[in-house]
Amino acid sequence: MTGIATFSENRITKPTARGIGATLLAALLGFCIGAPATSRPLVSADDWVGLWRGTYVCTQGVTGLFPTVSRSGQREVAVVFKFFAVPGNPGVPTGEFDMTGRLGSQGNHLRLSPDGWIVRPPGYLTVELEGDYDEASGEYSGQVWGWGCTRCILRRDVIG
């Protein structure tokens, strides 16, 4: 039984504390294990706004990524691209740069181009990202355009 009153044989059954607790626990588990923050398409700049978390791969190896997205126009976003070391690749320095994003005409598609460095580690170059948001998984994934780069996978940060 869930935490919602139900009708059974012309009478109302009240939810039990156990049923309510189970419903709350299921909701919390979905939240904690990273359930998608949204299951709708991302078609406007406002839909992309927020903190995202993930990784990308370039010549330095797997690298952590916290892009922060804000609206900058009708179909454009501004992004602060923050990268850092992950446990499996602790030698990556921390850095960040500004990006401009352009939404695709069909929704769920976003291309990000670099604007300029905020914190530049020696020897590092900016990259471009281009990918699609998958409503089922809640992930943005795609190509990282830069020397020796391959893929990125991001998920909206539901806490930040």
C-alpha atoms as a PDB file:
ATOM      1  CA  MET A   1       0.000   0.000   0.000  1.00  0.00           C
ATOM      2  CA  THR A   2       1.249   3.495  -0.752  1.00  0.00           C
ATOM      3  CA  GLY A   3       0.736   6.695   1.198  1.00  0.00           C
ATOM      4  CA  ILE A   4      -2.328   7.600  -0.861  1.00  0.00           C
ATOM      5  CA  ALA A   5      -5.875   6.929   0.317  1.00  0.00           C
ATOM      6  CA  THR A   6      -7.541   4.232  -1.801  1.00  0.00           C
ATOM      7  CA  PHE A   7     -11.122   3.217  -2.426  1.00  0.00           C
ATOM      8  CA  SER A   8     -11.963  -0.432  -1.875  1.00  0.00           C
ATOM      9  CA  GLU A   9     -15.463  -1.915  -1.977  1.00  0.00           C
ATOM     10  CA  ASN A  10     -17.111   1.502  -1.478  1.00  0.00           C
ATOM     11  CA  ARG A  11     -15.012   2.428   1.541  1.00  0.00           C
ATOM     12  CA  ILE A  12     -11.931   4.598   1.968  1.00  0.00           C
ATOM     13  CA  THR A  13      -8.773   2.967   3.270  1.00  0.00           C
ATOM     14  CA  LYS A  14      -6.429   5.284   5.151  1.00  0.00           C
ATOM     15  CA  PRO A  15      -2.733   5.111   4.390  1.00  0.00           C
ATOM     16  CA  THR A  16      -0.652   3.449   7.070  1.00  0.00           C
ATOM     17  CA  ALA A  17       2.545   4.852   8.562  1.00  0.00           C
ATOM     18  CA  ARG A  18       4.376   1.886   7.017  1.00  0.00           C
ATOM     19  CA  GLY A  19       2.951   2.675   3.580  1.00  0.00           C
ATOM     20  CA  ILE A  20       3.866   6.349   3.841  1.00  0.00           C
ATOM     21  CA  GLY A  21       7.350   5.454   5.085  1.00  0.00           C
ATOM     22  CA  ALA A  22       7.899   3.056   2.178  1.00  0.00           C
ATOM     23  CA  THR A  23       6.809   5.722  -0.305  1.00  0.00           C
ATOM     24  CA  LEU A  24       9.135   8.314   1.234  1.00  0.00           C
ATOM     25  CA  LEU A  25      12.008   5.826   1.303  1.00  0.00           C
ATOM     26  CA  ALA A  26      11.533   5.007  -2.379  1.00  0.00           C
ATOM     27  CA  ALA A  27      11.507   8.698  -3.263  1.00  0.00           C
ATOM     28  CA  LEU A  28      14.663   9.359  -1.225  1.00  0.00           C
ATOM     29  CA  LEU A  29      16.482   6.392  -2.748  1.00  0.00           C
ATOM     30  CA  GLY A  30      15.637   7.624  -6.227  1.00  0.00           C
ATOM     31  CA  PHE A  31      16.981  11.042  -5.284  1.00  0.00           C
ATOM     32  CA  CYS A  32      20.168   9.725  -3.662  1.00  0.00           C
ATOM     33  CA  ILE A  33      21.155   7.313  -6.422  1.00  0.00           C
ATOM     34  CA  GLY A  34      20.950  10.043  -9.009  1.00  0.00           C
ATOM     35  CA  ALA A  35      17.565   9.568 -10.583  1.00  0.00           C
ATOM     36  CA  PRO A  36      17.113  11.951 -13.498  1.00  0.00           C
ATOM     37  CA  ALA A  37      16.215  15.453 -12.359  1.00  0.00           C
ATOM     38  CA  THR A  38      13.817  15.791 -15.245  1.00  0.00           C
ATOM     39  CA  SER A  39      12.155  13.487 -17.741  1.00  0.00           C
ATOM     40  CA  ARG A  40      11.066  16.184 -20.146  1.00  0.00           C
ATOM     41  CA  PRO A  41      12.933  17.498 -23.177  1.00  0.00           C
ATOM     42  CA  LEU A  42      15.346  20.410 -22.722  1.00  0.00           C
ATOM     43  CA  VAL A  43      14.132  22.795 -25.425  1.00  0.00           C
ATOM     44  CA  SER A  44      14.695  26.271 -23.959  1.00  0.00           C
ATOM     45  CA  ALA A  45      17.761  27.929 -22.447  1.00  0.00           C
ATOM     46  CA  ASP A  46      16.002  27.946 -19.054  1.00  0.00           C
ATOM     47  CA  ASP A  47      15.683  24.131 -19.190  1.00  0.00           C
ATOM     48  CA  TRP A  48      19.488  23.765 -19.144  1.00  0.00           C
ATOM     49  CA  VAL A  49      20.145  26.146 -16.212  1.00  0.00           C
ATOM     50  CA  GLY A  50      21.881  24.703 -13.141  1.00  0.00           C
ATOM     51  CA  LEU A  51      24.905  22.763 -11.993  1.00  0.00           C
ATOM     52  CA  TRP A  52      25.822  19.599 -13.862  1.00  0.00           C
ATOM     53  CA  ARG A  53      28.363  16.919 -12.850  1.00  0.00           C
ATOM     54  CA  GLY A  54      30.268  14.395 -14.860  1.00  0.00           C
ATOM     55  CA  THR A  55      33.456  13.438 -16.614  1.00  0.00           C
ATOM     56  CA  TYR A  56      35.189  13.875 -19.915  1.00  0.00           C
ATOM     57  CA  VAL A  57      38.191  12.208 -21.520  1.00  0.00           C
ATOM     58  CA  CYS A  58      41.144  13.952 -23.195  1.00  0.00           C
ATOM     59  CA  THR A  59      44.896  13.267 -23.376  1.00  0.00           C
ATOM     60  CA  GLN A  60      45.262  13.755 -19.597  1.00  0.00           C
ATOM     61  CA  GLY A  61      42.785  10.895 -19.035  1.00  0.00           C
ATOM     62  CA  VAL A  62      39.426  10.849 -17.280  1.00  0.00           C
ATOM     63  CA  THR A  63      38.735  14.271 -15.793  1.00  0.00           C
ATOM     64  CA  GLY A  64      35.974  15.475 -13.463  1.00  0.00           C
ATOM     65  CA  LEU A  65      33.711  18.248 -14.671  1.00  0.00           C
ATOM     66  CA  PHE A  66      31.298  20.701 -12.969  1.00  0.00           C
ATOM     67  CA  PRO A  67      29.748  22.925 -15.629  1.00  0.00           C
ATOM     68  CA  THR A  68      27.475  25.653 -14.273  1.00  0.00           C
ATOM     69  CA  VAL A  69      24.868  26.742 -16.821  1.00  0.00           C
ATOM     70  CA  SER A  70      22.983  30.050 -16.896  1.00  0.00           C
ATOM     71  CA  ARG A  71      20.676  31.563 -19.502  1.00  0.00           C
ATOM     72  CA  SER A  72      22.235  34.212 -21.722  1.00  0.00           C
ATOM     73  CA  GLY A  73      19.661  34.524 -24.517  1.00  0.00           C
ATOM     74  CA  GLN A  74      16.554  33.023 -26.054  1.00  0.00           C
ATOM     75  CA  ARG A  75      18.407  29.930 -27.330  1.00  0.00           C
ATOM     76  CA  GLU A  76      21.800  30.496 -25.714  1.00  0.00           C
ATOM     77  CA  VAL A  77      23.462  29.656 -22.422  1.00  0.00           C
ATOM     78  CA  ALA A  78      26.614  30.782 -20.644  1.00  0.00           C
ATOM     79  CA  VAL A  79      28.678  28.074 -18.971  1.00  0.00           C
ATOM     80  CA  VAL A  80      31.555  28.039 -16.507  1.00  0.00           C
ATOM     81  CA  PHE A  81      33.471  24.837 -17.313  1.00  0.00           C
ATOM     82  CA  LYS A  82      35.305  23.686 -14.145  1.00  0.00           C
ATOM     83  CA  PHE A  83      37.520  20.623 -14.397  1.00  0.00           C
ATOM     84  CA  PHE A  84      39.486  18.722 -11.759  1.00  0.00           C
ATOM     85  CA  ALA A  85      41.191  15.450 -10.794  1.00  0.00           C
ATOM     86  CA  VAL A  86      39.159  12.325 -10.061  1.00  0.00           C
ATOM     87  CA  PRO A  87      40.273   9.492  -7.728  1.00  0.00           C
ATOM     88  CA  GLY A  88      41.373   7.340 -10.671  1.00  0.00           C
ATOM     89  CA  ASN A  89      43.421  10.192 -12.178  1.00  0.00           C
ATOM     90  CA  PRO A  90      44.756  12.362  -9.330  1.00  0.00           C
ATOM     91  CA  GLY A  91      47.376  14.229 -11.392  1.00  0.00           C
ATOM     92  CA  VAL A  92      44.892  16.433 -13.258  1.00  0.00           C
ATOM     93  CA  PRO A  93      45.099  20.099 -12.213  1.00  0.00           C
ATOM     94  CA  THR A  94      42.055  22.232 -11.484  1.00  0.00           C
ATOM     95  CA  GLY A  95      41.035  24.772 -14.097  1.00  0.00           C
ATOM     96  CA  GLU A  96      38.064  26.652 -15.483  1.00  0.00           C
ATOM     97  CA  PHE A  97      36.986  28.648 -18.484  1.00  0.00           C
ATOM     98  CA  ASP A  98      33.891  30.384 -19.838  1.00  0.00           C
ATOM     99  CA  MET A  99      31.821  28.890 -22.642  1.00  0.00           C
ATOM    100  CA  THR A 100      28.884  29.939 -24.786  1.00  0.00           C
ATOM    101  CA  GLY A 101      26.231  27.386 -25.653  1.00  0.00           C
ATOM    102  CA  ARG A 102      23.810  27.224 -28.528  1.00  0.00           C
ATOM    103  CA  LEU A 103      20.712  25.024 -28.354  1.00  0.00           C
ATOM    104  CA  GLY A 104      19.833  22.765 -31.265  1.00  0.00           C
ATOM    105  CA  SER A 105      16.668  23.399 -33.239  1.00  0.00           C
ATOM    106  CA  GLN A 106      15.035  20.108 -32.166  1.00  0.00           C
ATOM    107  CA  GLY A 107      15.627  20.380 -28.404  1.00  0.00           C
ATOM    108  CA  ASN A 108      17.849  18.210 -26.201  1.00  0.00           C
ATOM    109  CA  HIS A 109      20.934  19.221 -28.266  1.00  0.00           C
ATOM    110  CA  LEU A 110      23.579  21.653 -27.034  1.00  0.00           C
ATOM    111  CA  ARG A 111      26.883  22.802 -28.528  1.00  0.00           C
ATOM    112  CA  LEU A 112      29.340  24.606 -26.232  1.00  0.00           C
ATOM    113  CA  SER A 113      32.222  26.757 -27.504  1.00  0.00           C
ATOM    114  CA  PRO A 114      35.029  28.204 -25.339  1.00  0.00           C
ATOM    115  CA  ASP A 115      35.228  31.949 -24.654  1.00  0.00           C
ATOM    116  CA  GLY A 116      38.223  32.467 -22.376  1.00  0.00           C
ATOM    117  CA  TRP A 117      40.163  31.174 -19.411  1.00  0.00           C
ATOM    118  CA  ILE A 118      39.353  31.961 -15.783  1.00  0.00           C
ATOM    119  CA  VAL A 119      42.023  29.639 -14.308  1.00  0.00           C
ATOM    120  CA  ARG A 120      44.417  28.101 -16.852  1.00  0.00           C
ATOM    121  CA  PRO A 121      46.781  25.296 -15.824  1.00  0.00           C
ATOM    122  CA  PRO A 122      50.066  25.301 -17.744  1.00  0.00           C
ATOM    123  CA  GLY A 123      49.852  23.384 -21.026  1.00  0.00           C
ATOM    124  CA  TYR A 124      46.058  23.105 -21.103  1.00  0.00           C
ATOM    125  CA  LEU A 125      43.823  24.147 -24.013  1.00  0.00           C
ATOM    126  CA  THR A 126      40.080  24.845 -24.059  1.00  0.00           C
ATOM    127  CA  VAL A 127      37.724  22.334 -25.670  1.00  0.00           C
ATOM    128  CA  GLU A 128      34.291  22.341 -27.276  1.00  0.00           C
ATOM    129  CA  LEU A 129      31.433  20.023 -26.341  1.00  0.00           C
ATOM    130  CA  GLU A 130      28.565  18.871 -28.492  1.00  0.00           C
ATOM    131  CA  GLY A 131      25.960  16.386 -27.399  1.00  0.00           C
ATOM    132  CA  ASP A 132      22.420  15.430 -26.645  1.00  0.00           C
ATOM    133  CA  TYR A 133      20.331  15.112 -23.503  1.00  0.00           C
ATOM    134  CA  ASP A 134      18.661  11.722 -23.055  1.00  0.00           C
ATOM    135  CA  GLU A 135      15.339  12.012 -21.237  1.00  0.00           C
ATOM    136  CA  ALA A 136      15.327   8.362 -20.137  1.00  0.00           C
ATOM    137  CA  SER A 137      18.748   8.386 -18.458  1.00  0.00           C
ATOM    138  CA  GLY A 138      18.858  12.079 -17.506  1.00  0.00           C
ATOM    139  CA  GLU A 139      22.328  12.346 -19.071  1.00  0.00           C
ATOM    140  CA  TYR A 140      23.894  14.783 -21.487  1.00  0.00           C
ATOM    141  CA  SER A 141      26.523  12.922 -23.482  1.00  0.00           C
ATOM    142  CA  GLY A 142      28.504  13.685 -26.557  1.00  0.00           C
ATOM    143  CA  GLN A 143      31.764  14.555 -28.218  1.00  0.00           C
ATOM    144  CA  VAL A 144      34.560  16.634 -26.725  1.00  0.00           C
ATOM    145  CA  TRP A 145      36.252  18.545 -29.547  1.00  0.00           C
ATOM    146  CA  GLY A 146      39.910  19.013 -28.693  1.00  0.00           C
ATOM    147  CA  TRP A 147      43.268  17.375 -29.247  1.00  0.00           C
ATOM    148  CA  GLY A 148      43.180  13.791 -27.974  1.00  0.00           C
ATOM    149  CA  CYS A 149      39.618  14.119 -26.636  1.00  0.00           C
ATOM    150  CA  THR A 150      36.729  11.702 -26.958  1.00  0.00           C
ATOM    151  CA  ARG A 151      33.492  11.723 -24.929  1.00  0.00           C
ATOM    152  CA  CYS A 152      31.751  13.486 -22.065  1.00  0.00           C
ATOM    153  CA  ILE A 153      28.890  12.371 -19.845  1.00  0.00           C
ATOM    154  CA  LEU A 154      27.062  14.795 -17.562  1.00  0.00           C
ATOM    155  CA  ARG A 155      24.077  14.601 -15.248  1.00  0.00           C
ATOM    156  CA  ARG A 156      22.208  17.489 -13.683  1.00  0.00           C
ATOM    157  CA  ASP A 157      23.169  17.994 -10.047  1.00  0.00           C
ATOM    158  CA  VAL A 158      19.877  17.694  -8.153  1.00  0.00           C
ATOM    159  CA  ILE A 159      21.394  19.095  -4.949  1.00  0.00           C
ATOM    160  CA  GLY A 160      23.187  22.181  -6.314  1.00  0.00           C
END
